[in-house]
């Protein structure tokens, strides 16, 4: 006889939940070392222990203000790139929350499939694709200092 389980539910064949392992209180470093892909519920590659990308250089080098404005513009226009507005909102909350464990909970709770180790390409459960640029996920290492106005007022 086949065991029928609702999508997203994890139960053993004995009708009990599996033993608790790797909860949100696990250390981040342990999760980062185990960032191996698994098969998603819909058959694609999924990185459950995704991390934010390492710092990189962006050319031309932006100022902090320019980067902030560029990120705001990306999030404000992201629904126009396709996919669900709700998924874009979850992705924004995950990227801006400031805590990798909380971000993973947001992503997992929404059923988002992370197709890359660093959240740059994800899919929703209906197959909608969401691409997030590196400069949205990580601050570039070559930020230019803000210009200083030396003129007296």
Protein backbone atom coordinates (compact mmCIF):
# COMPACT_ATOMS: atom_id res chain seq x y z
CA UNK A 1 0.00 0.00 0.00
CA UNK A 2 1.20 3.46 -0.82
CA UNK A 3 1.64 6.03 1.89
CA UNK A 4 -0.06 9.31 1.00
CA UNK A 5 1.39 12.44 2.53
CA UNK A 6 0.23 15.99 2.03
CA UNK A 7 2.77 18.14 0.15
CA UNK A 8 5.29 19.57 2.57
CA UNK A 9 4.44 17.15 5.38
CA UNK A 10 7.20 14.86 6.58
CA UNK A 11 6.06 11.65 8.25
CA UNK A 12 7.60 8.23 8.66
CA UNK A 13 5.80 5.16 7.37
CA UNK A 14 4.69 4.48 10.97
CA UNK A 15 2.57 7.64 11.05
CA UNK A 16 4.96 9.57 13.28
CA UNK A 17 6.97 12.69 12.49
CA UNK A 18 10.67 12.05 11.90
CA UNK A 19 13.09 12.78 14.72
CA UNK A 20 13.96 16.48 15.02
CA UNK A 21 17.29 17.21 13.41
CA UNK A 22 18.89 20.42 12.19
CA UNK A 23 16.37 22.85 13.62
CA UNK A 24 16.67 26.61 13.20
CA UNK A 25 18.84 26.74 16.29
CA UNK A 26 21.61 24.75 14.59
CA UNK A 27 24.83 26.63 14.06
CA UNK A 28 25.17 28.47 10.77
CA UNK A 29 28.68 27.21 10.16
CA UNK A 30 27.51 23.60 10.35
CA UNK A 31 24.76 24.35 7.83
CA UNK A 32 27.16 26.12 5.50
CA UNK A 33 29.48 23.13 5.41
CA UNK A 34 26.51 20.92 4.46
CA UNK A 35 25.28 23.00 1.53
CA UNK A 36 24.77 20.04 -0.76
CA UNK A 37 21.86 19.97 -3.18
CA UNK A 38 18.89 17.69 -2.64
CA UNK A 39 15.97 16.87 -4.90
CA UNK A 40 13.08 19.28 -4.41
CA UNK A 41 9.48 18.21 -3.92
CA UNK A 42 8.79 19.01 -7.57
CA UNK A 43 11.86 17.24 -8.94
CA UNK A 44 14.54 19.93 -9.32
CA UNK A 45 17.76 20.72 -7.49
CA UNK A 46 17.29 22.39 -4.10
CA UNK A 47 19.92 23.85 -1.73
CA UNK A 48 18.25 23.80 1.72
CA UNK A 49 21.31 25.23 3.47
CA UNK A 50 21.92 28.07 1.02
CA UNK A 51 24.10 30.97 2.08
CA UNK A 52 24.52 34.55 0.99
CA UNK A 53 27.34 34.97 -1.55
CA UNK A 54 30.79 36.13 -0.56
CA UNK A 55 31.70 39.73 -1.25
CA UNK A 56 32.65 40.60 -4.82
CA UNK A 57 33.67 43.63 -6.89
CA UNK A 58 31.03 45.53 -8.82
CA UNK A 59 32.06 47.68 -11.77
CA UNK A 60 31.66 50.57 -11.81
CA UNK A 61 32.12 50.79 -8.05
CA UNK A 62 29.04 52.36 -6.42
CA UNK A 63 28.71 54.53 -3.34
CA UNK A 64 26.61 53.27 -0.43
CA UNK A 65 23.80 55.63 -1.43
CA UNK A 66 23.88 54.46 -5.06
CA UNK A 67 23.78 50.80 -3.98
CA UNK A 68 20.88 51.44 -1.59
CA UNK A 69 18.89 53.22 -4.34
CA UNK A 70 19.66 50.47 -6.84
CA UNK A 71 18.47 47.81 -4.37
CA UNK A 72 15.28 49.75 -3.58
CA UNK A 73 14.58 50.08 -7.31
CA UNK A 74 15.12 46.34 -7.81
CA UNK A 75 12.68 45.39 -5.04
CA UNK A 76 10.13 48.00 -6.11
CA UNK A 77 10.10 46.67 -9.68
CA UNK A 78 10.68 42.95 -8.98
CA UNK A 79 7.06 41.84 -9.57
CA UNK A 80 7.38 43.11 -13.15
CA UNK A 81 10.09 40.47 -13.74
CA UNK A 82 7.43 37.76 -13.45
CA UNK A 83 6.32 35.41 -10.73
CA UNK A 84 4.15 36.06 -7.72
CA UNK A 85 4.17 39.35 -5.80
CA UNK A 86 3.91 37.34 -2.55
CA UNK A 87 7.04 35.32 -3.37
CA UNK A 88 8.95 38.51 -4.19
CA UNK A 89 7.87 39.92 -0.81
CA UNK A 90 9.11 36.79 0.98
CA UNK A 91 12.42 36.97 -0.87
CA UNK A 92 12.82 40.63 0.07
CA UNK A 93 12.07 39.85 3.72
CA UNK A 94 14.59 36.99 3.66
CA UNK A 95 17.34 39.07 2.06
CA UNK A 96 16.84 42.10 4.32
CA UNK A 97 16.14 40.41 7.68
CA UNK A 98 19.81 40.29 8.70
CA UNK A 99 19.82 36.70 9.99
CA UNK A 100 20.55 33.68 7.78
CA UNK A 101 18.53 31.27 9.93
CA UNK A 102 15.46 33.53 9.84
CA UNK A 103 15.94 34.06 6.12
CA UNK A 104 15.99 30.29 5.55
CA UNK A 105 12.76 29.91 7.54
CA UNK A 106 11.07 32.57 5.38
CA UNK A 107 12.19 30.84 2.18
CA UNK A 108 11.29 27.35 3.38
CA UNK A 109 7.89 28.43 4.73
CA UNK A 110 6.92 29.86 1.35
CA UNK A 111 7.86 26.63 -0.42
CA UNK A 112 10.61 28.36 -2.40
CA UNK A 113 13.06 26.04 -4.14
CA UNK A 114 16.62 27.42 -4.04
CA UNK A 115 18.31 26.26 -7.25
CA UNK A 116 21.74 27.79 -6.53
CA UNK A 117 23.92 27.67 -3.40
CA UNK A 118 23.55 31.43 -2.87
CA UNK A 119 19.88 32.32 -3.51
CA UNK A 120 20.64 33.93 -6.88
CA UNK A 121 18.09 31.72 -8.67
CA UNK A 122 14.97 30.30 -7.03
CA UNK A 123 11.65 28.81 -8.12
CA UNK A 124 8.20 28.83 -6.57
CA UNK A 125 6.10 25.65 -6.33
CA UNK A 126 4.37 26.49 -9.62
CA UNK A 127 7.67 26.70 -11.51
CA UNK A 128 7.98 30.50 -11.56
CA UNK A 129 11.63 31.58 -11.75
CA UNK A 130 13.08 34.41 -9.65
CA UNK A 131 16.59 35.76 -10.32
CA UNK A 132 18.24 37.93 -7.67
CA UNK A 133 21.41 39.86 -8.59
CA UNK A 134 24.54 39.47 -6.45
CA UNK A 135 24.54 43.18 -5.53
CA UNK A 136 21.11 42.72 -3.92
CA UNK A 137 22.30 39.80 -1.79
CA UNK A 138 25.79 40.99 -0.80
CA UNK A 139 27.51 44.34 -0.44
CA UNK A 140 30.34 44.69 -2.96
CA UNK A 141 33.85 44.92 -1.53
CA UNK A 142 34.72 48.00 -3.56
CA UNK A 143 32.16 50.54 -2.36
CA UNK A 144 33.32 54.09 -2.99
CA UNK A 145 33.20 56.51 -0.04
CA UNK A 146 30.44 59.08 -0.19
CA UNK A 147 31.62 62.40 -1.66
CA UNK A 148 32.18 65.12 0.91
CA UNK A 149 30.85 68.58 0.17
CA UNK A 150 33.64 70.98 1.17
CA UNK A 151 31.81 74.17 0.28
CA UNK A 152 30.67 76.24 3.27
CA UNK A 153 26.99 77.06 3.36
